[in-house]
Amino acid sequence: MRLNMEISENQMASFNELKDRTGASTMKDLINNALTILEWLVNETAHGNDIAAVNESGTAYRVLITPLLQHVAKAERSALAGKA
């Protein structure tokens, strides 16, 4: 199956920078890795877990919040409320 999409020059530049920084050999490799990470993020969020970046000393962290993950969390809360 083939997927065609239009993206801006800025987005393409970001993709190319990520491809270079990560050492991905192809755009397909970059996107497959991104989808794997997104799937993990969604599954963890669905299980009620926060996704966070923690500094080495463990003294500070930042929770990742995106519209997609907020949607997943809200849907899961609604599903749990419906079971109660």
PDB file of N, CA and C in Angstrom:
ATOM      1  N   MET A   1       0.833  -1.170   0.000  1.00  0.00           N
ATOM      2  CA  MET A   1       0.000   0.000   0.000  1.00  0.00           C
ATOM      3  C   MET A   1       0.881   1.238   0.000  1.00  0.00           C
ATOM      4  N   ARG A   2       0.407   2.266  -0.612  1.00  0.00           N
ATOM      5  CA  ARG A   2       1.175   3.494  -0.750  1.00  0.00           C
ATOM      6  C   ARG A   2       0.420   4.637  -0.084  1.00  0.00           C
ATOM      7  N   LEU A   3       1.133   5.540   0.545  1.00  0.00           N
ATOM      8  CA  LEU A   3       0.557   6.711   1.187  1.00  0.00           C
ATOM      9  C   LEU A   3       1.194   7.951   0.583  1.00  0.00           C
ATOM     10  N   ASN A   4       0.376   8.832   0.070  1.00  0.00           N
ATOM     11  CA  ASN A   4       0.856  10.103  -0.461  1.00  0.00           C
ATOM     12  C   ASN A   4       0.331  11.221   0.418  1.00  0.00           C
ATOM     13  N   MET A   5       1.177  12.203   0.699  1.00  0.00           N
ATOM     14  CA  MET A   5       0.749  13.339   1.516  1.00  0.00           C
ATOM     15  C   MET A   5       1.508  14.585   1.114  1.00  0.00           C
ATOM     16  N   GLU A   6       0.862  15.695   1.340  1.00  0.00           N
ATOM     17  CA  GLU A   6       1.501  16.978   1.068  1.00  0.00           C
ATOM     18  C   GLU A   6       1.954  17.573   2.385  1.00  0.00           C
ATOM     19  N   ILE A   7       3.199  18.025   2.413  1.00  0.00           N
ATOM     20  CA  ILE A   7       3.729  18.680   3.599  1.00  0.00           C
ATOM     21  C   ILE A   7       4.462  19.943   3.173  1.00  0.00           C
ATOM     22  N   SER A   8       4.591  20.848   4.113  1.00  0.00           N
ATOM     23  CA  SER A   8       5.254  22.119   3.811  1.00  0.00           C
ATOM     24  C   SER A   8       6.769  21.915   3.700  1.00  0.00           C
ATOM     25  N   GLU A   9       7.437  22.906   3.154  1.00  0.00           N
ATOM     26  CA  GLU A   9       8.898  22.844   3.060  1.00  0.00           C
ATOM     27  C   GLU A   9       9.520  22.795   4.451  1.00  0.00           C
ATOM     28  N   ASN A  10       8.924  23.523   5.409  1.00  0.00           N
ATOM     29  CA  ASN A  10       9.432  23.515   6.781  1.00  0.00           C
ATOM     30  C   ASN A  10       9.295  22.135   7.412  1.00  0.00           C
ATOM     31  N   GLN A  11       8.153  21.478   7.178  1.00  0.00           N
ATOM     32  CA  GLN A  11       7.964  20.133   7.709  1.00  0.00           C
ATOM     33  C   GLN A  11       8.954  19.164   7.082  1.00  0.00           C
ATOM     34  N   MET A  12       9.193  19.293   5.774  1.00  0.00           N
ATOM     35  CA  MET A  12      10.149  18.412   5.101  1.00  0.00           C
ATOM     36  C   MET A  12      11.549  18.632   5.643  1.00  0.00           C
ATOM     37  N   ALA A  13      11.879  19.884   5.917  1.00  0.00           N
ATOM     38  CA  ALA A  13      13.184  20.183   6.507  1.00  0.00           C
ATOM     39  C   ALA A  13      13.301  19.546   7.889  1.00  0.00           C
ATOM     40  N   SER A  14      12.218  19.579   8.666  1.00  0.00           N
ATOM     41  CA  SER A  14      12.223  18.942   9.989  1.00  0.00           C
ATOM     42  C   SER A  14      12.386  17.435   9.863  1.00  0.00           C
ATOM     43  N   PHE A  15      11.682  16.817   8.900  1.00  0.00           N
ATOM     44  CA  PHE A  15      11.829  15.383   8.666  1.00  0.00           C
ATOM     45  C   PHE A  15      13.270  15.042   8.311  1.00  0.00           C
ATOM     46  N   ASN A  16      13.851  15.812   7.414  1.00  0.00           N
ATOM     47  CA  ASN A  16      15.228  15.543   6.995  1.00  0.00           C
ATOM     48  C   ASN A  16      16.208  15.718   8.150  1.00  0.00           C
ATOM     49  N   GLU A  17      15.982  16.730   8.988  1.00  0.00           N
ATOM     50  CA  GLU A  17      16.855  16.937  10.145  1.00  0.00           C
ATOM     51  C   GLU A  17      16.737  15.752  11.110  1.00  0.00           C
ATOM     52  N   LEU A  18      15.507  15.307  11.367  1.00  0.00           N
ATOM     53  CA  LEU A  18      15.312  14.152  12.238  1.00  0.00           C
ATOM     54  C   LEU A  18      15.949  12.897  11.650  1.00  0.00           C
ATOM     55  N   LYS A  19      15.785  12.724  10.360  1.00  0.00           N
ATOM     56  CA  LYS A  19      16.381  11.571   9.673  1.00  0.00           C
ATOM     57  C   LYS A  19      17.892  11.576   9.869  1.00  0.00           C
ATOM     58  N   ASP A  20      18.511  12.744   9.694  1.00  0.00           N
ATOM     59  CA  ASP A  20      19.959  12.858   9.862  1.00  0.00           C
ATOM     60  C   ASP A  20      20.381  12.649  11.316  1.00  0.00           C
ATOM     61  N   ARG A  21      19.674  13.281  12.245  1.00  0.00           N
ATOM     62  CA  ARG A  21      20.040  13.192  13.665  1.00  0.00           C
ATOM     63  C   ARG A  21      19.896  11.779  14.206  1.00  0.00           C
ATOM     64  N   THR A  22      18.905  11.050  13.703  1.00  0.00           N
ATOM     65  CA  THR A  22      18.650   9.705  14.218  1.00  0.00           C
ATOM     66  C   THR A  22      19.410   8.624  13.473  1.00  0.00           C
ATOM     67  N   GLY A  23      19.968   8.960  12.323  1.00  0.00           N
ATOM     68  CA  GLY A  23      20.664   7.960  11.527  1.00  0.00           C
ATOM     69  C   GLY A  23      19.725   7.038  10.776  1.00  0.00           C
ATOM     70  N   ALA A  24      18.455   7.438  10.666  1.00  0.00           N
ATOM     71  CA  ALA A  24      17.507   6.632   9.893  1.00  0.00           C
ATOM     72  C   ALA A  24      17.996   6.573   8.452  1.00  0.00           C
ATOM     73  N   SER A  25      17.932   5.388   7.877  1.00  0.00           N
ATOM     74  CA  SER A  25      18.457   5.243   6.522  1.00  0.00           C
ATOM     75  C   SER A  25      17.483   5.744   5.458  1.00  0.00           C
ATOM     76  N   THR A  26      16.189   5.707   5.764  1.00  0.00           N
ATOM     77  CA  THR A  26      15.173   6.165   4.805  1.00  0.00           C
ATOM     78  C   THR A  26      14.069   6.891   5.554  1.00  0.00           C
ATOM     79  N   MET A  27      13.239   7.610   4.817  1.00  0.00           N
ATOM     80  CA  MET A  27      12.065   8.249   5.407  1.00  0.00           C
ATOM     81  C   MET A  27      11.113   7.176   5.937  1.00  0.00           C
ATOM     82  N   LYS A  28      11.028   6.059   5.239  1.00  0.00           N
ATOM     83  CA  LYS A  28      10.178   4.956   5.693  1.00  0.00           C
ATOM     84  C   LYS A  28      10.627   4.483   7.065  1.00  0.00           C
ATOM     85  N   ASP A  29      11.929   4.340   7.261  1.00  0.00           N
ATOM     86  CA  ASP A  29      12.482   3.926   8.544  1.00  0.00           C
ATOM     87  C   ASP A  29      12.140   4.951   9.627  1.00  0.00           C
ATOM     88  N   LEU A  30      12.296   6.221   9.320  1.00  0.00           N
ATOM     89  CA  LEU A  30      11.980   7.291  10.268  1.00  0.00           C
ATOM     90  C   LEU A  30      10.510   7.230  10.668  1.00  0.00           C
ATOM     91  N   ILE A  31       9.625   7.112   9.696  1.00  0.00           N
ATOM     92  CA  ILE A  31       8.189   7.103   9.965  1.00  0.00           C
ATOM     93  C   ILE A  31       7.772   5.832  10.701  1.00  0.00           C
ATOM     94  N   ASN A  32       8.342   4.689  10.342  1.00  0.00           N
ATOM     95  CA  ASN A  32       8.028   3.450  11.066  1.00  0.00           C
ATOM     96  C   ASN A  32       8.414   3.561  12.538  1.00  0.00           C
ATOM     97  N   ASN A  33       9.559   4.149  12.820  1.00  0.00           N
ATOM     98  CA  ASN A  33       9.978   4.347  14.207  1.00  0.00           C
ATOM     99  C   ASN A  33       9.053   5.317  14.926  1.00  0.00           C
ATOM    100  N   ALA A  34       8.666   6.383  14.247  1.00  0.00           N
ATOM    101  CA  ALA A  34       7.756   7.357  14.849  1.00  0.00           C
ATOM    102  C   ALA A  34       6.414   6.710  15.171  1.00  0.00           C
ATOM    103  N   LEU A  35       5.907   5.865  14.284  1.00  0.00           N
ATOM    104  CA  LEU A  35       4.640   5.177  14.537  1.00  0.00           C
ATOM    105  C   LEU A  35       4.747   4.192  15.690  1.00  0.00           C
ATOM    106  N   THR A  36       5.884   3.514  15.805  1.00  0.00           N
ATOM    107  CA  THR A  36       6.103   2.605  16.921  1.00  0.00           C
ATOM    108  C   THR A  36       6.071   3.368  18.239  1.00  0.00           C
ATOM    109  N   ILE A  37       6.719   4.510  18.275  1.00  0.00           N
ATOM    110  CA  ILE A  37       6.731   5.338  19.488  1.00  0.00           C
ATOM    111  C   ILE A  37       5.330   5.854  19.792  1.00  0.00           C
ATOM    112  N   LEU A  38       4.598   6.310  18.777  1.00  0.00           N
ATOM    113  CA  LEU A  38       3.239   6.800  18.995  1.00  0.00           C
ATOM    114  C   LEU A  38       2.345   5.695  19.535  1.00  0.00           C
ATOM    115  N   GLU A  39       2.484   4.489  19.008  1.00  0.00           N
ATOM    116  CA  GLU A  39       1.680   3.364  19.494  1.00  0.00           C
ATOM    117  C   GLU A  39       1.968   3.105  20.971  1.00  0.00           C
ATOM    118  N   TRP A  40       3.230   3.150  21.369  1.00  0.00           N
ATOM    119  CA  TRP A  40       3.599   2.959  22.767  1.00  0.00           C
ATOM    120  C   TRP A  40       3.014   4.077  23.635  1.00  0.00           C
ATOM    121  N   LEU A  41       3.116   5.327  23.158  1.00  0.00           N
ATOM    122  CA  LEU A  41       2.566   6.463  23.900  1.00  0.00           C
ATOM    123  C   LEU A  41       1.068   6.293  24.126  1.00  0.00           C
ATOM    124  N   VAL A  42       0.349   5.901  23.085  1.00  0.00           N
ATOM    125  CA  VAL A  42      -1.094   5.716  23.177  1.00  0.00           C
ATOM    126  C   VAL A  42      -1.421   4.593  24.157  1.00  0.00           C
ATOM    127  N   ASN A  43      -0.723   3.472  24.067  1.00  0.00           N
ATOM    128  CA  ASN A  43      -0.984   2.347  24.969  1.00  0.00           C
ATOM    129  C   ASN A  43      -0.711   2.707  26.426  1.00  0.00           C
ATOM    130  N   GLU A  44       0.381   3.380  26.686  1.00  0.00           N
ATOM    131  CA  GLU A  44       0.708   3.791  28.059  1.00  0.00           C
ATOM    132  C   GLU A  44      -0.326   4.780  28.587  1.00  0.00           C
ATOM    133  N   THR A  45      -0.726   5.727  27.759  1.00  0.00           N
ATOM    134  CA  THR A  45      -1.733   6.708  28.162  1.00  0.00           C
ATOM    135  C   THR A  45      -3.063   6.021  28.437  1.00  0.00           C
ATOM    136  N   ALA A  46      -3.417   5.062  27.600  1.00  0.00           N
ATOM    137  CA  ALA A  46      -4.666   4.314  27.786  1.00  0.00           C
ATOM    138  C   ALA A  46      -4.663   3.537  29.104  1.00  0.00           C
ATOM    139  N   HIS A  47      -3.489   3.176  29.583  1.00  0.00           N
ATOM    140  CA  HIS A  47      -3.376   2.464  30.855  1.00  0.00           C
ATOM    141  C   HIS A  47      -3.255   3.420  32.042  1.00  0.00           C
ATOM    142  N   GLY A  48      -3.447   4.703  31.789  1.00  0.00           N
ATOM    143  CA  GLY A  48      -3.421   5.696  32.861  1.00  0.00           C
ATOM    144  C   GLY A  48      -2.051   6.209  33.227  1.00  0.00           C
ATOM    145  N   ASN A  49      -1.052   5.909  32.433  1.00  0.00           N
ATOM    146  CA  ASN A  49       0.311   6.358  32.732  1.00  0.00           C
ATOM    147  C   ASN A  49       0.610   7.684  32.057  1.00  0.00           C
ATOM    148  N   ASP A  50       1.407   8.515  32.734  1.00  0.00           N
ATOM    149  CA  ASP A  50       1.923   9.739  32.130  1.00  0.00           C
ATOM    150  C   ASP A  50       3.198   9.401  31.380  1.00  0.00           C
ATOM    151  N   ILE A  51       3.473  10.136  30.333  1.00  0.00           N
ATOM    152  CA  ILE A  51       4.724  10.024  29.596  1.00  0.00           C
ATOM    153  C   ILE A  51       5.552  11.244  29.982  1.00  0.00           C
ATOM    154  N   ALA A  52       6.763  11.013  30.446  1.00  0.00           N
ATOM    155  CA  ALA A  52       7.549  12.137  30.944  1.00  0.00           C
ATOM    156  C   ALA A  52       9.020  11.986  30.603  1.00  0.00           C
ATOM    157  N   ALA A  53       9.682  13.139  30.523  1.00  0.00           N
ATOM    158  CA  ALA A  53      11.134  13.189  30.402  1.00  0.00           C
ATOM    159  C   ALA A  53      11.674  13.496  31.797  1.00  0.00           C
ATOM    160  N   VAL A  54      12.632  12.691  32.243  1.00  0.00           N
ATOM    161  CA  VAL A  54      13.198  12.847  33.575  1.00  0.00           C
ATOM    162  C   VAL A  54      14.689  13.145  33.432  1.00  0.00           C
ATOM    163  N   ASN A  55      15.172  14.144  34.191  1.00  0.00           N
ATOM    164  CA  ASN A  55      16.607  14.428  34.101  1.00  0.00           C
ATOM    165  C   ASN A  55      17.406  13.345  34.806  1.00  0.00           C
ATOM    166  N   GLU A  56      18.707  13.325  34.559  1.00  0.00           N
ATOM    167  CA  GLU A  56      19.555  12.241  35.071  1.00  0.00           C
ATOM    168  C   GLU A  56      19.491  12.084  36.582  1.00  0.00           C
ATOM    169  N   SER A  57      19.402  13.195  37.297  1.00  0.00           N
ATOM    170  CA  SER A  57      19.385  13.106  38.758  1.00  0.00           C
ATOM    171  C   SER A  57      18.004  12.735  39.290  1.00  0.00           C
ATOM    172  N   GLY A  58      17.014  12.718  38.407  1.00  0.00           N
ATOM    173  CA  GLY A  58      15.664  12.359  38.821  1.00  0.00           C
ATOM    174  C   GLY A  58      14.965  13.445  39.610  1.00  0.00           C
ATOM    175  N   THR A  59      15.517  14.637  39.594  1.00  0.00           N
ATOM    176  CA  THR A  59      14.946  15.725  40.386  1.00  0.00           C
ATOM    177  C   THR A  59      13.941  16.577  39.621  1.00  0.00           C
ATOM    178  N   ALA A  60      13.880  16.403  38.325  1.00  0.00           N
ATOM    179  CA  ALA A  60      12.943  17.201  37.535  1.00  0.00           C
ATOM    180  C   ALA A  60      12.404  16.360  36.393  1.00  0.00           C
ATOM    181  N   TYR A  61      11.145  16.590  36.076  1.00  0.00           N
ATOM    182  CA  TYR A  61      10.564  15.899  34.931  1.00  0.00           C
ATOM    183  C   TYR A  61       9.528  16.789  34.261  1.00  0.00           C
ATOM    184  N   ARG A  62       9.284  16.506  33.009  1.00  0.00           N
ATOM    185  CA  ARG A  62       8.271  17.220  32.229  1.00  0.00           C
ATOM    186  C   ARG A  62       7.363  16.177  31.599  1.00  0.00           C
ATOM    187  N   VAL A  63       6.066  16.337  31.819  1.00  0.00           N
ATOM    188  CA  VAL A  63       5.086  15.416  31.255  1.00  0.00           C
ATOM    189  C   VAL A  63       4.778  15.834  29.832  1.00  0.00           C
ATOM    190  N   LEU A  64       4.740  14.850  28.942  1.00  0.00           N
ATOM    191  CA  LEU A  64       4.400  15.092  27.539  1.00  0.00           C
ATOM    192  C   LEU A  64       2.881  15.175  27.406  1.00  0.00           C
ATOM    193  N   ILE A  65       2.408  16.295  26.893  1.00  0.00           N
ATOM    194  CA  ILE A  65       0.978  16.489  26.665  1.00  0.00           C
ATOM    195  C   ILE A  65       0.795  16.867  25.205  1.00  0.00           C
ATOM    196  N   THR A  66      -0.012  16.084  24.495  1.00  0.00           N
ATOM    197  CA  THR A  66      -0.346  16.397  23.105  1.00  0.00           C
ATOM    198  C   THR A  66      -1.852  16.248  22.939  1.00  0.00           C
ATOM    199  N   PRO A  67      -2.433  16.885  21.943  1.00  0.00           N
ATOM    200  CA  PRO A  67      -3.871  16.713  21.711  1.00  0.00           C
ATOM    201  C   PRO A  67      -4.262  15.250  21.515  1.00  0.00           C
ATOM    202  N   LEU A  68      -3.452  14.480  20.810  1.00  0.00           N
ATOM    203  CA  LEU A  68      -3.767  13.061  20.603  1.00  0.00           C
ATOM    204  C   LEU A  68      -3.802  12.298  21.918  1.00  0.00           C
ATOM    205  N   LEU A  69      -2.807  12.515  22.764  1.00  0.00           N
ATOM    206  CA  LEU A  69      -2.758  11.800  24.037  1.00  0.00           C
ATOM    207  C   LEU A  69      -3.846  12.283  24.987  1.00  0.00           C
ATOM    208  N   GLN A  70      -4.188  13.561  24.933  1.00  0.00           N
ATOM    209  CA  GLN A  70      -5.297  14.065  25.740  1.00  0.00           C
ATOM    210  C   GLN A  70      -6.601  13.393  25.318  1.00  0.00           C
ATOM    211  N   HIS A  71      -6.775  13.189  24.020  1.00  0.00           N
ATOM    212  CA  HIS A  71      -7.971  12.517  23.509  1.00  0.00           C
ATOM    213  C   HIS A  71      -8.038  11.082  24.031  1.00  0.00           C
ATOM    214  N   VAL A  72      -6.914  10.378  23.997  1.00  0.00           N
ATOM    215  CA  VAL A  72      -6.868   8.998  24.486  1.00  0.00           C
ATOM    216  C   VAL A  72      -7.210   8.957  25.971  1.00  0.00           C
ATOM    217  N   ALA A  73      -6.615   9.836  26.756  1.00  0.00           N
ATOM    218  CA  ALA A  73      -6.860   9.851  28.197  1.00  0.00           C
ATOM    219  C   ALA A  73      -8.330  10.149  28.491  1.00  0.00           C
ATOM    220  N   LYS A  74      -8.898  11.096  27.788  1.00  0.00           N
ATOM    221  CA  LYS A  74     -10.313  11.451  27.989  1.00  0.00           C
ATOM    222  C   LYS A  74     -11.217  10.276  27.617  1.00  0.00           C
ATOM    223  N   ALA A  75     -10.936   9.623  26.511  1.00  0.00           N
ATOM    224  CA  ALA A  75     -11.745   8.479  26.078  1.00  0.00           C
ATOM    225  C   ALA A  75     -11.660   7.351  27.092  1.00  0.00           C
ATOM    226  N   GLU A  76     -10.487   7.100  27.630  1.00  0.00           N
ATOM    227  CA  GLU A  76     -10.317   6.046  28.628  1.00  0.00           C
ATOM    228  C   GLU A  76     -11.057   6.391  29.918  1.00  0.00           C
ATOM    229  N   ARG A  77     -10.998   7.659  30.351  1.00  0.00           N
ATOM    230  CA  ARG A  77     -11.729   8.071  31.546  1.00  0.00           C
ATOM    231  C   ARG A  77     -13.230   7.901  31.336  1.00  0.00           C
ATOM    232  N   SER A  78     -13.710   8.260  30.156  1.00  0.00           N
ATOM    233  CA  SER A  78     -15.133   8.100  29.842  1.00  0.00           C
ATOM    234  C   SER A  78     -15.540   6.627  29.847  1.00  0.00           C
ATOM    235  N   ALA A  79     -14.697   5.780  29.281  1.00  0.00           N
ATOM    236  CA  ALA A  79     -14.985   4.348  29.246  1.00  0.00           C
ATOM    237  C   ALA A  79     -15.032   3.778  30.655  1.00  0.00           C
ATOM    238  N   LEU A  80     -14.110   4.203  31.512  1.00  0.00           N
ATOM    239  CA  LEU A  80     -14.092   3.726  32.898  1.00  0.00           C
ATOM    240  C   LEU A  80     -15.307   4.227  33.675  1.00  0.00           C
ATOM    241  N   ALA A  81     -15.707   5.476  33.424  1.00  0.00           N
ATOM    242  CA  ALA A  81     -16.880   6.027  34.101  1.00  0.00           C
ATOM    243  C   ALA A  81     -18.143   5.283  33.673  1.00  0.00           C
ATOM    244  N   GLY A  82     -18.191   4.842  32.436  1.00  0.00           N
ATOM    245  CA  GLY A  82     -19.336   4.096  31.938  1.00  0.00           C
ATOM    246  C   GLY A  82     -19.454   2.718  32.542  1.00  0.00           C
ATOM    247  N   LYS A  83     -18.327   2.176  33.012  1.00  0.00           N
ATOM    248  CA  LYS A  83     -18.325   0.843  33.635  1.00  0.00           C
ATOM    249  C   LYS A  83     -18.709   0.894  35.111  1.00  0.00           C
ATOM    250  N   ALA A  84     -18.632   2.087  35.688  1.00  0.00           N
ATOM    251  CA  ALA A  84     -18.896   2.214  37.135  1.00  0.00           C
ATOM    252  C   ALA A  84     -20.375   2.225  37.455  1.00  0.00           C
TER     253      ALA A  84
END
